[in-house]
Amino acid sequence: MIKQNLLFPDYRAQENPIDGKYTHKITAPIYTPKGRKPFVQELVDMNTFQKLRKNIDDSHVSEEEKQFLRLAAYRHCVFDFHKIADYYSHASDEMQELMEQSALVIIDFEKAIEEGYVCLSDQIIEQYREEYHE
């Protein structure tokens, strides 16, 4: 039986077949880059964003409203993280550093914590302790 963790939905605690207890070992997924360096244009699908941007630009709302809507439209860009990982493996050191700063890739868990991309609040820790009696 596998127990779903509600705090981290992609993390599943695996039942130990020997004692029937769950282990809370977290293993980060490892992606192995494949072959060629993708073109930058392949890293993100901007079709929906571009349609929204045109509708915004053609609208009669105020310029201030257009600026807000243009920023919001960026939420519709779809990143292809497999291709991003492939690109990263072929990128210059400077580009790799910038990609890490943007959390496009997470190479070092400690660095991710340092940059603020991974954090646990006291409330989450307390909830975990209550749930697992630790």
Protein backbone atom coordinates (compact mmCIF):
# COMPACT_ATOMS: atom_id res chain seq x y z
CA MET A 1 0.00 0.00 0.00
CA ILE A 2 1.23 3.49 -0.84
CA LYS A 3 0.29 6.48 1.32
CA GLN A 4 -0.07 9.85 -0.42
CA ASN A 5 1.52 12.76 1.42
CA LEU A 6 -0.89 15.71 1.43
CA LEU A 7 1.80 18.32 2.09
CA PHE A 8 3.84 17.22 -0.88
CA PRO A 9 1.44 15.53 -3.37
CA ASP A 10 4.23 14.25 -5.65
CA TYR A 11 5.95 12.54 -2.72
CA ARG A 12 4.70 9.08 -1.87
CA ALA A 13 5.76 7.28 1.29
CA GLN A 14 6.61 3.69 0.43
CA GLU A 15 5.50 0.91 2.76
CA ASN A 16 8.36 -1.24 3.97
CA PRO A 17 7.38 -4.87 3.21
CA ILE A 18 9.29 -6.15 6.26
CA ASP A 19 7.68 -4.14 9.08
CA GLY A 20 4.71 -2.50 7.33
CA LYS A 21 5.89 1.01 8.30
CA TYR A 22 6.38 3.87 5.90
CA THR A 23 9.74 5.35 5.08
CA HIS A 24 10.00 9.10 4.61
CA LYS A 25 13.14 9.01 2.54
CA ILE A 26 12.85 11.59 -0.21
CA THR A 27 14.68 10.83 -3.42
CA ALA A 28 15.00 13.65 -5.90
CA PRO A 29 14.20 12.70 -9.47
CA ILE A 30 17.29 12.55 -11.66
CA TYR A 31 17.00 13.56 -15.29
CA THR A 32 19.65 12.42 -17.73
CA PRO A 33 19.97 14.81 -20.67
CA LYS A 34 19.40 13.32 -24.11
CA GLY A 35 21.49 14.10 -27.16
CA ARG A 36 21.39 17.46 -28.88
CA LYS A 37 21.13 20.96 -27.49
CA PRO A 38 17.56 22.20 -28.12
CA PHE A 39 16.95 25.57 -29.71
CA VAL A 40 15.94 28.24 -27.18
CA GLN A 41 12.57 28.53 -28.98
CA GLU A 42 11.84 24.89 -28.07
CA LEU A 43 12.12 25.51 -24.32
CA VAL A 44 8.79 27.29 -23.94
CA ASP A 45 5.42 27.21 -25.74
CA MET A 46 4.19 30.78 -26.03
CA ASN A 47 1.15 30.24 -28.29
CA THR A 48 -1.53 31.03 -25.69
CA PHE A 49 0.50 33.97 -24.37
CA GLN A 50 0.83 35.43 -27.87
CA LYS A 51 -2.93 35.13 -28.53
CA LEU A 52 -3.71 36.81 -25.23
CA ARG A 53 -1.13 39.52 -25.87
CA LYS A 54 -2.71 40.34 -29.25
CA ASN A 55 -6.19 40.51 -27.68
CA ILE A 56 -4.86 42.79 -24.94
CA ASP A 57 -3.04 45.06 -27.40
CA ASP A 58 -6.16 45.29 -29.61
CA SER A 59 -8.44 46.06 -26.65
CA HIS A 60 -9.79 49.44 -25.57
CA VAL A 61 -8.91 49.13 -21.89
CA SER A 62 -6.57 51.67 -20.29
CA GLU A 63 -2.81 51.40 -20.76
CA GLU A 64 -2.45 50.66 -17.04
CA GLU A 65 -4.90 47.75 -17.39
CA LYS A 66 -3.08 46.51 -20.49
CA GLN A 67 0.22 46.48 -18.60
CA PHE A 68 -1.34 44.41 -15.84
CA LEU A 69 -2.95 41.98 -18.30
CA ARG A 70 0.31 41.60 -20.25
CA LEU A 71 2.11 40.59 -17.07
CA ALA A 72 -0.67 38.15 -16.19
CA ALA A 73 -0.56 36.65 -19.69
CA TYR A 74 2.97 35.35 -19.04
CA ARG A 75 1.38 32.74 -16.73
CA HIS A 76 0.26 30.94 -19.89
CA CYS A 77 3.79 30.25 -21.11
CA VAL A 78 4.41 26.49 -20.88
CA PHE A 79 7.96 25.42 -20.06
CA ASP A 80 9.31 22.09 -21.34
CA PHE A 81 11.53 21.06 -18.43
CA HIS A 82 12.99 18.02 -20.21
CA LYS A 83 14.26 20.26 -23.00
CA ILE A 84 15.36 22.85 -20.45
CA ALA A 85 17.48 20.15 -18.75
CA ASP A 86 18.95 19.20 -22.14
CA TYR A 87 19.72 22.84 -22.87
CA TYR A 88 21.27 23.30 -19.42
CA SER A 89 23.69 20.43 -19.99
CA HIS A 90 25.07 22.18 -23.10
CA ALA A 91 24.95 25.77 -21.78
CA SER A 92 27.82 28.02 -20.74
CA ASP A 93 28.69 28.28 -17.05
CA GLU A 94 27.11 31.73 -16.89
CA MET A 95 23.87 30.51 -18.49
CA GLN A 96 23.78 27.51 -16.14
CA GLU A 97 24.16 29.80 -13.13
CA LEU A 98 21.33 32.04 -14.34
CA MET A 99 19.10 29.02 -15.00
CA GLU A 100 19.79 27.78 -11.46
CA GLN A 101 18.97 31.22 -10.01
CA SER A 102 15.63 31.11 -11.85
CA ALA A 103 14.97 27.58 -10.54
CA LEU A 104 14.68 26.25 -14.07
CA VAL A 105 16.86 23.41 -12.83
CA ILE A 106 17.71 22.39 -9.27
CA ILE A 107 21.14 20.85 -9.18
CA ASP A 108 22.04 21.29 -5.52
CA PHE A 109 19.35 20.86 -2.85
CA GLU A 110 21.34 22.95 -0.34
CA LYS A 111 21.65 25.76 -2.89
CA ALA A 112 17.91 25.57 -3.57
CA ILE A 113 17.30 26.09 0.15
CA GLU A 114 19.78 28.97 0.22
CA GLU A 115 18.08 30.65 -2.77
CA GLY A 116 14.71 30.32 -1.03
CA TYR A 117 13.12 27.81 -3.42
CA VAL A 118 12.80 25.09 -0.80
CA CYS A 119 11.54 26.02 2.64
CA LEU A 120 9.43 24.57 5.42
CA SER A 121 7.53 26.70 7.86
CA ASP A 122 7.26 25.87 11.54
CA GLN A 123 3.57 25.16 10.99
CA ILE A 124 4.28 22.49 8.34
CA ILE A 125 6.96 20.91 10.53
CA GLU A 126 4.55 20.83 13.48
CA GLN A 127 1.81 19.30 11.33
CA TYR A 128 4.27 16.65 10.13
CA ARG A 129 5.27 15.83 13.71
CA GLU A 130 1.64 15.50 14.77
CA GLU A 131 0.79 13.27 11.81
CA TYR A 132 3.79 10.98 12.21
CA HIS A 133 4.20 11.27 16.01
CA GLU A 134 7.79 12.45 15.77
